[in-house]
Amino acid sequence: MMGTELSSILRLEVPIVVLLAERAIAMGEVMSLVPGSIIELGKTVDQDLDLLVNNRRIGHGVAMKVGENYGVEVTQIGDSLLRINALGAGEGAEDAAGAMQQPQ
């Protein structure tokens, strides 16, 4: 039975979000945005992007072009437990940098 449950979990489709950066700004600034406005973010262009599942970081990557689409090359990925926990099945998955694996 456990193999069937695992098989079902592994077939689940989940959205993955690639987060460029984020920043808090005052609502007044939001209201003054117009086409052409520039919002400076606190991340440098050479920093990895965050890979999120269920708003929980599971890894990092760098942006790349794949044909005419954007892509992400994974540079670090959390272990299996971290990735399963991102589904909400466990606690402490929000930021487990120690559980990230570097490419070999």
PDB file of N, CA and C in Angstrom:
ATOM      1  N   MET A   1       0.829  -1.199   0.000  1.00  0.00           N
ATOM      2  CA  MET A   1       0.000   0.000   0.000  1.00  0.00           C
ATOM      3  C   MET A   1       0.869   1.257   0.000  1.00  0.00           C
ATOM      4  N   MET A   2       1.994   1.207   0.740  1.00  0.00           N
ATOM      5  CA  MET A   2       2.841   2.392   0.822  1.00  0.00           C
ATOM      6  C   MET A   2       3.416   2.752  -0.547  1.00  0.00           C
ATOM      7  N   GLY A   3       3.752   1.742  -1.357  1.00  0.00           N
ATOM      8  CA  GLY A   3       4.263   2.013  -2.692  1.00  0.00           C
ATOM      9  C   GLY A   3       3.245   2.717  -3.562  1.00  0.00           C
ATOM     10  N   THR A   4       1.972   2.357  -3.406  1.00  0.00           N
ATOM     11  CA  THR A   4       0.896   3.001  -4.156  1.00  0.00           C
ATOM     12  C   THR A   4       0.754   4.459  -3.751  1.00  0.00           C
ATOM     13  N   GLU A   5       0.847   4.732  -2.440  1.00  0.00           N
ATOM     14  CA  GLU A   5       0.750   6.113  -1.955  1.00  0.00           C
ATOM     15  C   GLU A   5       1.906   6.947  -2.486  1.00  0.00           C
ATOM     16  N   LEU A   6       3.113   6.390  -2.433  1.00  0.00           N
ATOM     17  CA  LEU A   6       4.280   7.111  -2.935  1.00  0.00           C
ATOM     18  C   LEU A   6       4.135   7.369  -4.428  1.00  0.00           C
ATOM     19  N   SER A   7       3.678   6.378  -5.148  1.00  0.00           N
ATOM     20  CA  SER A   7       3.479   6.534  -6.586  1.00  0.00           C
ATOM     21  C   SER A   7       2.483   7.653  -6.881  1.00  0.00           C
ATOM     22  N   SER A   8       1.423   7.730  -6.091  1.00  0.00           N
ATOM     23  CA  SER A   8       0.424   8.796  -6.266  1.00  0.00           C
ATOM     24  C   SER A   8       1.027  10.163  -5.991  1.00  0.00           C
ATOM     25  N   ILE A   9       1.834  10.259  -4.940  1.00  0.00           N
ATOM     26  CA  ILE A   9       2.480  11.533  -4.596  1.00  0.00           C
ATOM     27  C   ILE A   9       3.410  11.973  -5.723  1.00  0.00           C
ATOM     28  N   LEU A  10       4.165  11.037  -6.259  1.00  0.00           N
ATOM     29  CA  LEU A  10       5.136  11.381  -7.299  1.00  0.00           C
ATOM     30  C   LEU A  10       4.474  11.791  -8.613  1.00  0.00           C
ATOM     31  N   ARG A  11       3.198  11.471  -8.812  1.00  0.00           N
ATOM     32  CA  ARG A  11       2.475  11.889 -10.013  1.00  0.00           C
ATOM     33  C   ARG A  11       1.785  13.241  -9.846  1.00  0.00           C
ATOM     34  N   LEU A  12       1.763  13.770  -8.622  1.00  0.00           N
ATOM     35  CA  LEU A  12       1.133  15.075  -8.399  1.00  0.00           C
ATOM     36  C   LEU A  12       1.846  16.144  -9.220  1.00  0.00           C
ATOM     37  N   GLU A  13       1.085  17.029  -9.827  1.00  0.00           N
ATOM     38  CA  GLU A  13       1.676  18.178 -10.512  1.00  0.00           C
ATOM     39  C   GLU A  13       1.584  19.372  -9.586  1.00  0.00           C
ATOM     40  N   VAL A  14       2.711  20.019  -9.363  1.00  0.00           N
ATOM     41  CA  VAL A  14       2.760  21.181  -8.475  1.00  0.00           C
ATOM     42  C   VAL A  14       3.387  22.344  -9.226  1.00  0.00           C
ATOM     43  N   PRO A  15       2.900  23.555  -8.985  1.00  0.00           N
ATOM     44  CA  PRO A  15       3.528  24.704  -9.642  1.00  0.00           C
ATOM     45  C   PRO A  15       4.882  24.998  -9.006  1.00  0.00           C
ATOM     46  N   ILE A  16       5.857  25.274  -9.841  1.00  0.00           N
ATOM     47  CA  ILE A  16       7.157  25.706  -9.346  1.00  0.00           C
ATOM     48  C   ILE A  16       7.311  27.170  -9.745  1.00  0.00           C
ATOM     49  N   VAL A  17       7.744  27.974  -8.805  1.00  0.00           N
ATOM     50  CA  VAL A  17       7.915  29.408  -9.028  1.00  0.00           C
ATOM     51  C   VAL A  17       9.401  29.712  -8.995  1.00  0.00           C
ATOM     52  N   VAL A  18       9.855  30.489  -9.956  1.00  0.00           N
ATOM     53  CA  VAL A  18      11.232  30.968  -9.971  1.00  0.00           C
ATOM     54  C   VAL A  18      11.170  32.428  -9.568  1.00  0.00           C
ATOM     55  N   LEU A  19      11.722  32.721  -8.401  1.00  0.00           N
ATOM     56  CA  LEU A  19      11.636  34.066  -7.836  1.00  0.00           C
ATOM     57  C   LEU A  19      12.890  34.850  -8.182  1.00  0.00           C
ATOM     58  N   LEU A  20      12.705  35.902  -8.948  1.00  0.00           N
ATOM     59  CA  LEU A  20      13.810  36.785  -9.311  1.00  0.00           C
ATOM     60  C   LEU A  20      14.313  37.508  -8.070  1.00  0.00           C
ATOM     61  N   ALA A  21      13.428  38.207  -7.395  1.00  0.00           N
ATOM     62  CA  ALA A  21      13.742  38.946  -6.171  1.00  0.00           C
ATOM     63  C   ALA A  21      12.437  39.516  -5.645  1.00  0.00           C
ATOM     64  N   GLU A  22      12.475  40.027  -4.445  1.00  0.00           N
ATOM     65  CA  GLU A  22      11.296  40.694  -3.908  1.00  0.00           C
ATOM     66  C   GLU A  22      11.722  41.866  -3.045  1.00  0.00           C
ATOM     67  N   ARG A  23      10.794  42.776  -2.895  1.00  0.00           N
ATOM     68  CA  ARG A  23      11.075  43.987  -2.134  1.00  0.00           C
ATOM     69  C   ARG A  23       9.754  44.567  -1.654  1.00  0.00           C
ATOM     70  N   ALA A  24       9.744  45.081  -0.447  1.00  0.00           N
ATOM     71  CA  ALA A  24       8.558  45.766   0.070  1.00  0.00           C
ATOM     72  C   ALA A  24       8.663  47.247  -0.287  1.00  0.00           C
ATOM     73  N   ILE A  25       7.556  47.798  -0.771  1.00  0.00           N
ATOM     74  CA  ILE A  25       7.502  49.238  -1.035  1.00  0.00           C
ATOM     75  C   ILE A  25       6.188  49.772  -0.474  1.00  0.00           C
ATOM     76  N   ALA A  26       6.183  51.052  -0.217  1.00  0.00           N
ATOM     77  CA  ALA A  26       4.990  51.700   0.330  1.00  0.00           C
ATOM     78  C   ALA A  26       3.861  51.667  -0.696  1.00  0.00           C
ATOM     79  N   MET A  27       2.658  51.568  -0.208  1.00  0.00           N
ATOM     80  CA  MET A  27       1.494  51.542  -1.093  1.00  0.00           C
ATOM     81  C   MET A  27       1.423  52.800  -1.959  1.00  0.00           C
ATOM     82  N   GLY A  28       1.890  53.918  -1.428  1.00  0.00           N
ATOM     83  CA  GLY A  28       1.934  55.145  -2.216  1.00  0.00           C
ATOM     84  C   GLY A  28       2.812  54.988  -3.447  1.00  0.00           C
ATOM     85  N   GLU A  29       3.942  54.272  -3.292  1.00  0.00           N
ATOM     86  CA  GLU A  29       4.807  54.010  -4.439  1.00  0.00           C
ATOM     87  C   GLU A  29       4.111  53.100  -5.447  1.00  0.00           C
ATOM     88  N   VAL A  30       3.380  52.102  -4.936  1.00  0.00           N
ATOM     89  CA  VAL A  30       2.638  51.211  -5.829  1.00  0.00           C
ATOM     90  C   VAL A  30       1.639  52.015  -6.646  1.00  0.00           C
ATOM     91  N   MET A  31       0.941  52.930  -5.985  1.00  0.00           N
ATOM     92  CA  MET A  31      -0.078  53.726  -6.668  1.00  0.00           C
ATOM     93  C   MET A  31       0.525  54.675  -7.696  1.00  0.00           C
ATOM     94  N   SER A  32       1.806  55.022  -7.526  1.00  0.00           N
ATOM     95  CA  SER A  32       2.421  55.955  -8.470  1.00  0.00           C
ATOM     96  C   SER A  32       3.132  55.248  -9.628  1.00  0.00           C
ATOM     97  N   LEU A  33       3.086  53.922  -9.675  1.00  0.00           N
ATOM     98  CA  LEU A  33       3.725  53.197 -10.773  1.00  0.00           C
ATOM     99  C   LEU A  33       3.012  53.476 -12.093  1.00  0.00           C
ATOM    100  N   VAL A  34       3.796  53.692 -13.116  1.00  0.00           N
ATOM    101  CA  VAL A  34       3.286  53.905 -14.472  1.00  0.00           C
ATOM    102  C   VAL A  34       4.165  53.089 -15.417  1.00  0.00           C
ATOM    103  N   PRO A  35       3.705  52.837 -16.634  1.00  0.00           N
ATOM    104  CA  PRO A  35       4.582  52.159 -17.586  1.00  0.00           C
ATOM    105  C   PRO A  35       5.902  52.914 -17.711  1.00  0.00           C
ATOM    106  N   GLY A  36       6.988  52.195 -17.610  1.00  0.00           N
ATOM    107  CA  GLY A  36       8.310  52.807 -17.663  1.00  0.00           C
ATOM    108  C   GLY A  36       8.936  52.989 -16.291  1.00  0.00           C
ATOM    109  N   SER A  37       8.141  52.859 -15.219  1.00  0.00           N
ATOM    110  CA  SER A  37       8.697  52.942 -13.863  1.00  0.00           C
ATOM    111  C   SER A  37       9.693  51.805 -13.666  1.00  0.00           C
ATOM    112  N   ILE A  38      10.720  52.069 -12.887  1.00  0.00           N
ATOM    113  CA  ILE A  38      11.729  51.056 -12.581  1.00  0.00           C
ATOM    114  C   ILE A  38      11.696  50.790 -11.088  1.00  0.00           C
ATOM    115  N   ILE A  39      11.611  49.525 -10.731  1.00  0.00           N
ATOM    116  CA  ILE A  39      11.642  49.117  -9.330  1.00  0.00           C
ATOM    117  C   ILE A  39      12.978  48.420  -9.104  1.00  0.00           C
ATOM    118  N   GLU A  40      13.826  49.018  -8.292  1.00  0.00           N
ATOM    119  CA  GLU A  40      15.127  48.413  -8.002  1.00  0.00           C
ATOM    120  C   GLU A  40      14.943  47.325  -6.950  1.00  0.00           C
ATOM    121  N   LEU A  41      15.534  46.175  -7.220  1.00  0.00           N
ATOM    122  CA  LEU A  41      15.424  45.039  -6.313  1.00  0.00           C
ATOM    123  C   LEU A  41      16.732  44.857  -5.554  1.00  0.00           C
ATOM    124  N   GLY A  42      16.663  44.180  -4.444  1.00  0.00           N
ATOM    125  CA  GLY A  42      17.829  44.033  -3.581  1.00  0.00           C
ATOM    126  C   GLY A  42      18.721  42.856  -3.901  1.00  0.00           C
ATOM    127  N   LYS A  43      18.592  42.289  -5.076  1.00  0.00           N
ATOM    128  CA  LYS A  43      19.405  41.134  -5.451  1.00  0.00           C
ATOM    129  C   LYS A  43      20.269  41.540  -6.634  1.00  0.00           C
ATOM    130  N   THR A  44      21.532  41.156  -6.604  1.00  0.00           N
ATOM    131  CA  THR A  44      22.424  41.493  -7.714  1.00  0.00           C
ATOM    132  C   THR A  44      22.190  40.530  -8.876  1.00  0.00           C
ATOM    133  N   VAL A  45      22.584  40.941 -10.070  1.00  0.00           N
ATOM    134  CA  VAL A  45      22.323  40.145 -11.266  1.00  0.00           C
ATOM    135  C   VAL A  45      23.073  38.817 -11.270  1.00  0.00           C
ATOM    136  N   ASP A  46      24.137  38.698 -10.475  1.00  0.00           N
ATOM    137  CA  ASP A  46      24.897  37.447 -10.462  1.00  0.00           C
ATOM    138  C   ASP A  46      24.443  36.480  -9.363  1.00  0.00           C
ATOM    139  N   GLN A  47      23.424  36.832  -8.595  1.00  0.00           N
ATOM    140  CA  GLN A  47      22.917  35.936  -7.558  1.00  0.00           C
ATOM    141  C   GLN A  47      21.928  34.940  -8.153  1.00  0.00           C
ATOM    142  N   ASP A  48      21.943  33.725  -7.596  1.00  0.00           N
ATOM    143  CA  ASP A  48      21.004  32.695  -8.035  1.00  0.00           C
ATOM    144  C   ASP A  48      19.565  33.096  -7.742  1.00  0.00           C
ATOM    145  N   LEU A  49      18.656  32.563  -8.534  1.00  0.00           N
ATOM    146  CA  LEU A  49      17.223  32.752  -8.333  1.00  0.00           C
ATOM    147  C   LEU A  49      16.715  31.652  -7.400  1.00  0.00           C
ATOM    148  N   ASP A  50      15.665  31.933  -6.657  1.00  0.00           N
ATOM    149  CA  ASP A  50      15.083  30.949  -5.748  1.00  0.00           C
ATOM    150  C   ASP A  50      14.055  30.108  -6.487  1.00  0.00           C
ATOM    151  N   LEU A  51      14.061  28.803  -6.229  1.00  0.00           N
ATOM    152  CA  LEU A  51      13.054  27.888  -6.756  1.00  0.00           C
ATOM    153  C   LEU A  51      12.094  27.571  -5.620  1.00  0.00           C
ATOM    154  N   LEU A  52      10.805  27.856  -5.820  1.00  0.00           N
ATOM    155  CA  LEU A  52       9.811  27.689  -4.763  1.00  0.00           C
ATOM    156  C   LEU A  52       8.725  26.704  -5.177  1.00  0.00           C
ATOM    157  N   VAL A  53       8.328  25.879  -4.224  1.00  0.00           N
ATOM    158  CA  VAL A  53       7.139  25.040  -4.348  1.00  0.00           C
ATOM    159  C   VAL A  53       6.306  25.320  -3.111  1.00  0.00           C
ATOM    160  N   ASN A  54       5.049  25.684  -3.310  1.00  0.00           N
ATOM    161  CA  ASN A  54       4.160  25.984  -2.187  1.00  0.00           C
ATOM    162  C   ASN A  54       4.737  27.106  -1.314  1.00  0.00           C
ATOM    163  N   ASN A  55       5.345  28.097  -1.960  1.00  0.00           N
ATOM    164  CA  ASN A  55       5.974  29.238  -1.282  1.00  0.00           C
ATOM    165  C   ASN A  55       7.116  28.836  -0.360  1.00  0.00           C
ATOM    166  N   ARG A  56       7.695  27.673  -0.576  1.00  0.00           N
ATOM    167  CA  ARG A  56       8.837  27.217   0.224  1.00  0.00           C
ATOM    168  C   ARG A  56      10.014  26.975  -0.706  1.00  0.00           C
ATOM    169  N   ARG A  57      11.167  27.495  -0.308  1.00  0.00           N
ATOM    170  CA  ARG A  57      12.358  27.358  -1.151  1.00  0.00           C
ATOM    171  C   ARG A  57      12.841  25.915  -1.149  1.00  0.00           C
ATOM    172  N   ILE A  58      13.009  25.371  -2.340  1.00  0.00           N
ATOM    173  CA  ILE A  58      13.526  24.012  -2.465  1.00  0.00           C
ATOM    174  C   ILE A  58      14.877  23.980  -3.167  1.00  0.00           C
ATOM    175  N   GLY A  59      15.304  25.125  -3.715  1.00  0.00           N
ATOM    176  CA  GLY A  59      16.572  25.147  -4.420  1.00  0.00           C
ATOM    177  C   GLY A  59      16.876  26.511  -4.999  1.00  0.00           C
ATOM    178  N   HIS A  60      17.934  26.539  -5.801  1.00  0.00           N
ATOM    179  CA  HIS A  60      18.393  27.764  -6.452  1.00  0.00           C
ATOM    180  C   HIS A  60      18.769  27.430  -7.893  1.00  0.00           C
ATOM    181  N   GLY A  61      18.766  28.447  -8.741  1.00  0.00           N
ATOM    182  CA  GLY A  61      19.166  28.241 -10.121  1.00  0.00           C
ATOM    183  C   GLY A  61      19.533  29.545 -10.794  1.00  0.00           C
ATOM    184  N   VAL A  62      20.013  29.422 -12.015  1.00  0.00           N
ATOM    185  CA  VAL A  62      20.359  30.599 -12.808  1.00  0.00           C
ATOM    186  C   VAL A  62      19.481  30.620 -14.053  1.00  0.00           C
ATOM    187  N   ALA A  63      19.093  31.818 -14.456  1.00  0.00           N
ATOM    188  CA  ALA A  63      18.238  31.984 -15.631  1.00  0.00           C
ATOM    189  C   ALA A  63      19.024  31.671 -16.891  1.00  0.00           C
ATOM    190  N   MET A  64      18.325  31.106 -17.849  1.00  0.00           N
ATOM    191  CA  MET A  64      18.942  30.816 -19.136  1.00  0.00           C
ATOM    192  C   MET A  64      17.865  30.844 -20.217  1.00  0.00           C
ATOM    193  N   LYS A  65      18.296  30.862 -21.447  1.00  0.00           N
ATOM    194  CA  LYS A  65      17.371  30.842 -22.580  1.00  0.00           C
ATOM    195  C   LYS A  65      17.319  29.417 -23.135  1.00  0.00           C
ATOM    196  N   VAL A  66      16.098  28.910 -23.338  1.00  0.00           N
ATOM    197  CA  VAL A  66      15.894  27.589 -23.928  1.00  0.00           C
ATOM    198  C   VAL A  66      15.032  27.800 -25.169  1.00  0.00           C
ATOM    199  N   GLY A  67      15.661  27.827 -26.320  1.00  0.00           N
ATOM    200  CA  GLY A  67      14.928  28.186 -27.533  1.00  0.00           C
ATOM    201  C   GLY A  67      14.468  29.623 -27.405  1.00  0.00           C
ATOM    202  N   GLU A  68      13.168  29.840 -27.507  1.00  0.00           N
ATOM    203  CA  GLU A  68      12.606  31.184 -27.344  1.00  0.00           C
ATOM    204  C   GLU A  68      12.007  31.382 -25.955  1.00  0.00           C
ATOM    205  N   ASN A  69      12.213  30.421 -25.055  1.00  0.00           N
ATOM    206  CA  ASN A  69      11.640  30.487 -23.709  1.00  0.00           C
ATOM    207  C   ASN A  69      12.713  30.715 -22.660  1.00  0.00           C
ATOM    208  N   TYR A  70      12.264  31.173 -21.499  1.00  0.00           N
ATOM    209  CA  TYR A  70      13.141  31.228 -20.339  1.00  0.00           C
ATOM    210  C   TYR A  70      13.275  29.826 -19.771  1.00  0.00           C
ATOM    211  N   GLY A  71      14.390  29.566 -19.150  1.00  0.00           N
ATOM    212  CA  GLY A  71      14.615  28.317 -18.434  1.00  0.00           C
ATOM    213  C   GLY A  71      15.431  28.612 -17.197  1.00  0.00           C
ATOM    214  N   VAL A  72      15.603  27.626 -16.360  1.00  0.00           N
ATOM    215  CA  VAL A  72      16.411  27.761 -15.154  1.00  0.00           C
ATOM    216  C   VAL A  72      17.301  26.536 -15.040  1.00  0.00           C
ATOM    217  N   GLU A  73      18.592  26.768 -14.906  1.00  0.00           N
ATOM    218  CA  GLU A  73      19.524  25.684 -14.622  1.00  0.00           C
ATOM    219  C   GLU A  73      19.653  25.578 -13.113  1.00  0.00           C
ATOM    220  N   VAL A  74      19.328  24.427 -12.567  1.00  0.00           N
ATOM    221  CA  VAL A  74      19.366  24.218 -11.120  1.00  0.00           C
ATOM    222  C   VAL A  74      20.820  24.162 -10.662  1.00  0.00           C
ATOM    223  N   THR A  75      21.161  25.005  -9.677  1.00  0.00           N
ATOM    224  CA  THR A  75      22.516  25.019  -9.125  1.00  0.00           C
ATOM    225  C   THR A  75      22.574  24.366  -7.748  1.00  0.00           C
ATOM    226  N   GLN A  76      21.472  24.389  -7.023  1.00  0.00           N
ATOM    227  CA  GLN A  76      21.353  23.713  -5.727  1.00  0.00           C
ATOM    228  C   GLN A  76      19.929  23.205  -5.606  1.00  0.00           C
ATOM    229  N   ILE A  77      19.775  22.031  -5.002  1.00  0.00           N
ATOM    230  CA  ILE A  77      18.429  21.498  -4.796  1.00  0.00           C
ATOM    231  C   ILE A  77      18.376  20.834  -3.426  1.00  0.00           C
ATOM    232  N   GLY A  78      17.253  21.001  -2.755  1.00  0.00           N
ATOM    233  CA  GLY A  78      17.075  20.396  -1.447  1.00  0.00           C
ATOM    234  C   GLY A  78      16.976  18.887  -1.553  1.00  0.00           C
ATOM    235  N   ASP A  79      17.266  18.214  -0.442  1.00  0.00           N
ATOM    236  CA  ASP A  79      17.155  16.761  -0.445  1.00  0.00           C
ATOM    237  C   ASP A  79      15.693  16.348  -0.587  1.00  0.00           C
ATOM    238  N   SER A  80      15.456  15.068  -0.724  1.00  0.00           N
ATOM    239  CA  SER A  80      14.092  14.561  -0.955  1.00  0.00           C
ATOM    240  C   SER A  80      13.130  14.974   0.145  1.00  0.00           C
ATOM    241  N   LEU A  81      13.574  14.931   1.396  1.00  0.00           N
ATOM    242  CA  LEU A  81      12.707  15.292   2.515  1.00  0.00           C
ATOM    243  C   LEU A  81      12.296  16.759   2.430  1.00  0.00           C
ATOM    244  N   LEU A  82      13.223  17.628   2.097  1.00  0.00           N
ATOM    245  CA  LEU A  82      12.907  19.053   1.961  1.00  0.00           C
ATOM    246  C   LEU A  82      11.864  19.263   0.869  1.00  0.00           C
ATOM    247  N   ARG A  83      12.019  18.564  -0.249  1.00  0.00           N
ATOM    248  CA  ARG A  83      11.086  18.739  -1.364  1.00  0.00           C
ATOM    249  C   ARG A  83       9.703  18.189  -1.037  1.00  0.00           C
ATOM    250  N   ILE A  84       9.637  17.069  -0.346  1.00  0.00           N
ATOM    251  CA  ILE A  84       8.340  16.525   0.081  1.00  0.00           C
ATOM    252  C   ILE A  84       7.703  17.457   1.103  1.00  0.00           C
ATOM    253  N   ASN A  85       8.502  17.976   2.041  1.00  0.00           N
ATOM    254  CA  ASN A  85       7.975  18.893   3.062  1.00  0.00           C
ATOM    255  C   ASN A  85       7.407  20.160   2.440  1.00  0.00           C
ATOM    256  N   ALA A  86       7.915  20.548   1.286  1.00  0.00           N
ATOM    257  CA  ALA A  86       7.403  21.749   0.622  1.00  0.00           C
ATOM    258  C   ALA A  86       5.941  21.585   0.222  1.00  0.00           C
ATOM    259  N   LEU A  87       5.479  20.360   0.150  1.00  0.00           N
ATOM    260  CA  LEU A  87       4.070  20.114  -0.155  1.00  0.00           C
ATOM    261  C   LEU A  87       3.186  20.373   1.047  1.00  0.00           C
ATOM    262  N   GLY A  88       3.806  20.612   2.212  1.00  0.00           N
ATOM    263  CA  GLY A  88       3.038  20.863   3.425  1.00  0.00           C
ATOM    264  C   GLY A  88       2.931  19.637   4.300  1.00  0.00           C
ATOM    265  N   ALA A  89       3.662  18.590   3.961  1.00  0.00           N
ATOM    266  CA  ALA A  89       3.578  17.344   4.713  1.00  0.00           C
ATOM    267  C   ALA A  89       4.429  17.352   5.968  1.00  0.00           C
ATOM    268  N   GLY A  90       5.226  18.383   6.160  1.00  0.00           N
ATOM    269  CA  GLY A  90       6.084  18.421   7.330  1.00  0.00           C
ATOM    270  C   GLY A  90       6.379  19.838   7.731  1.00  0.00           C
ATOM    271  N   GLU A  91       7.218  19.986   8.740  1.00  0.00           N
ATOM    272  CA  GLU A  91       7.564  21.317   9.225  1.00  0.00           C
ATOM    273  C   GLU A  91       9.033  21.589   8.965  1.00  0.00           C
ATOM    274  N   GLY A  92       9.389  22.871   8.994  1.00  0.00           N
ATOM    275  CA  GLY A  92      10.788  23.259   8.903  1.00  0.00           C
ATOM    276  C   GLY A  92      11.342  23.297   7.499  1.00  0.00           C
ATOM    277  N   ALA A  93      10.504  23.276   6.494  1.00  0.00           N
ATOM    278  CA  ALA A  93      10.999  23.272   5.122  1.00  0.00           C
ATOM    279  C   ALA A  93      11.199  24.664   4.567  1.00  0.00           C
ATOM    280  N   GLU A  94      10.829  25.683   5.328  1.00  0.00           N
ATOM    281  CA  GLU A  94      10.875  27.038   4.779  1.00  0.00           C
ATOM    282  C   GLU A  94      12.258  27.418   4.279  1.00  0.00           C
ATOM    283  N   ASP A  95      13.290  27.073   5.032  1.00  0.00           N
ATOM    284  CA  ASP A  95      14.634  27.449   4.617  1.00  0.00           C
ATOM    285  C   ASP A  95      15.617  26.477   5.242  1.00  0.00           C
ATOM    286  N   ALA A  96      15.910  25.429   4.553  1.00  0.00           N
ATOM    287  CA  ALA A  96      16.826  24.422   5.065  1.00  0.00           C
ATOM    288  C   ALA A  96      18.062  24.413   4.182  1.00  0.00           C
ATOM    289  N   ALA A  97      18.814  25.498   4.229  1.00  0.00           N
ATOM    290  CA  ALA A  97      19.975  25.649   3.355  1.00  0.00           C
ATOM    291  C   ALA A  97      20.952  24.501   3.540  1.00  0.00           C
ATOM    292  N   GLY A  98      21.041  23.948   4.741  1.00  0.00           N
ATOM    293  CA  GLY A  98      21.931  22.826   4.991  1.00  0.00           C
ATOM    294  C   GLY A  98      21.527  21.585   4.228  1.00  0.00           C
ATOM    295  N   ALA A  99      20.287  21.511   3.790  1.00  0.00           N
ATOM    296  CA  ALA A  99      19.799  20.340   3.069  1.00  0.00           C
ATOM    297  C   ALA A  99      19.927  20.509   1.562  1.00  0.00           C
ATOM    298  N   MET A 100      20.525  21.602   1.101  1.00  0.00           N
ATOM    299  CA  MET A 100      20.675  21.841  -0.328  1.00  0.00           C
ATOM    300  C   MET A 100      21.855  21.040  -0.863  1.00  0.00           C
ATOM    301  N   GLN A 101      21.681  20.472  -2.042  1.00  0.00           N
ATOM    302  CA  GLN A 101      22.728  19.694  -2.675  1.00  0.00           C
ATOM    303  C   GLN A 101      23.296  20.473  -3.847  1.00  0.00           C
ATOM    304  N   GLN A 102      24.609  20.490  -3.938  1.00  0.00           N
ATOM    305  CA  GLN A 102      25.291  21.132  -5.051  1.00  0.00           C
ATOM    306  C   GLN A 102      25.399  20.131  -6.198  1.00  0.00           C
ATOM    307  N   PRO A 103      25.436  20.594  -7.453  1.00  0.00           N
ATOM    308  CA  PRO A 103      25.637  19.659  -8.565  1.00  0.00           C
ATOM    309  C   PRO A 103      26.999  18.994  -8.457  1.00  0.00           C
ATOM    310  N   GLN A 104      27.085  17.773  -8.930  1.00  0.00           N
ATOM    311  CA  GLN A 104      28.336  16.991  -8.848  1.00  0.00           C
ATOM    312  C   GLN A 104      29.260  17.339  -9.988  1.00  0.00           C
TER     313      GLN A 104
END
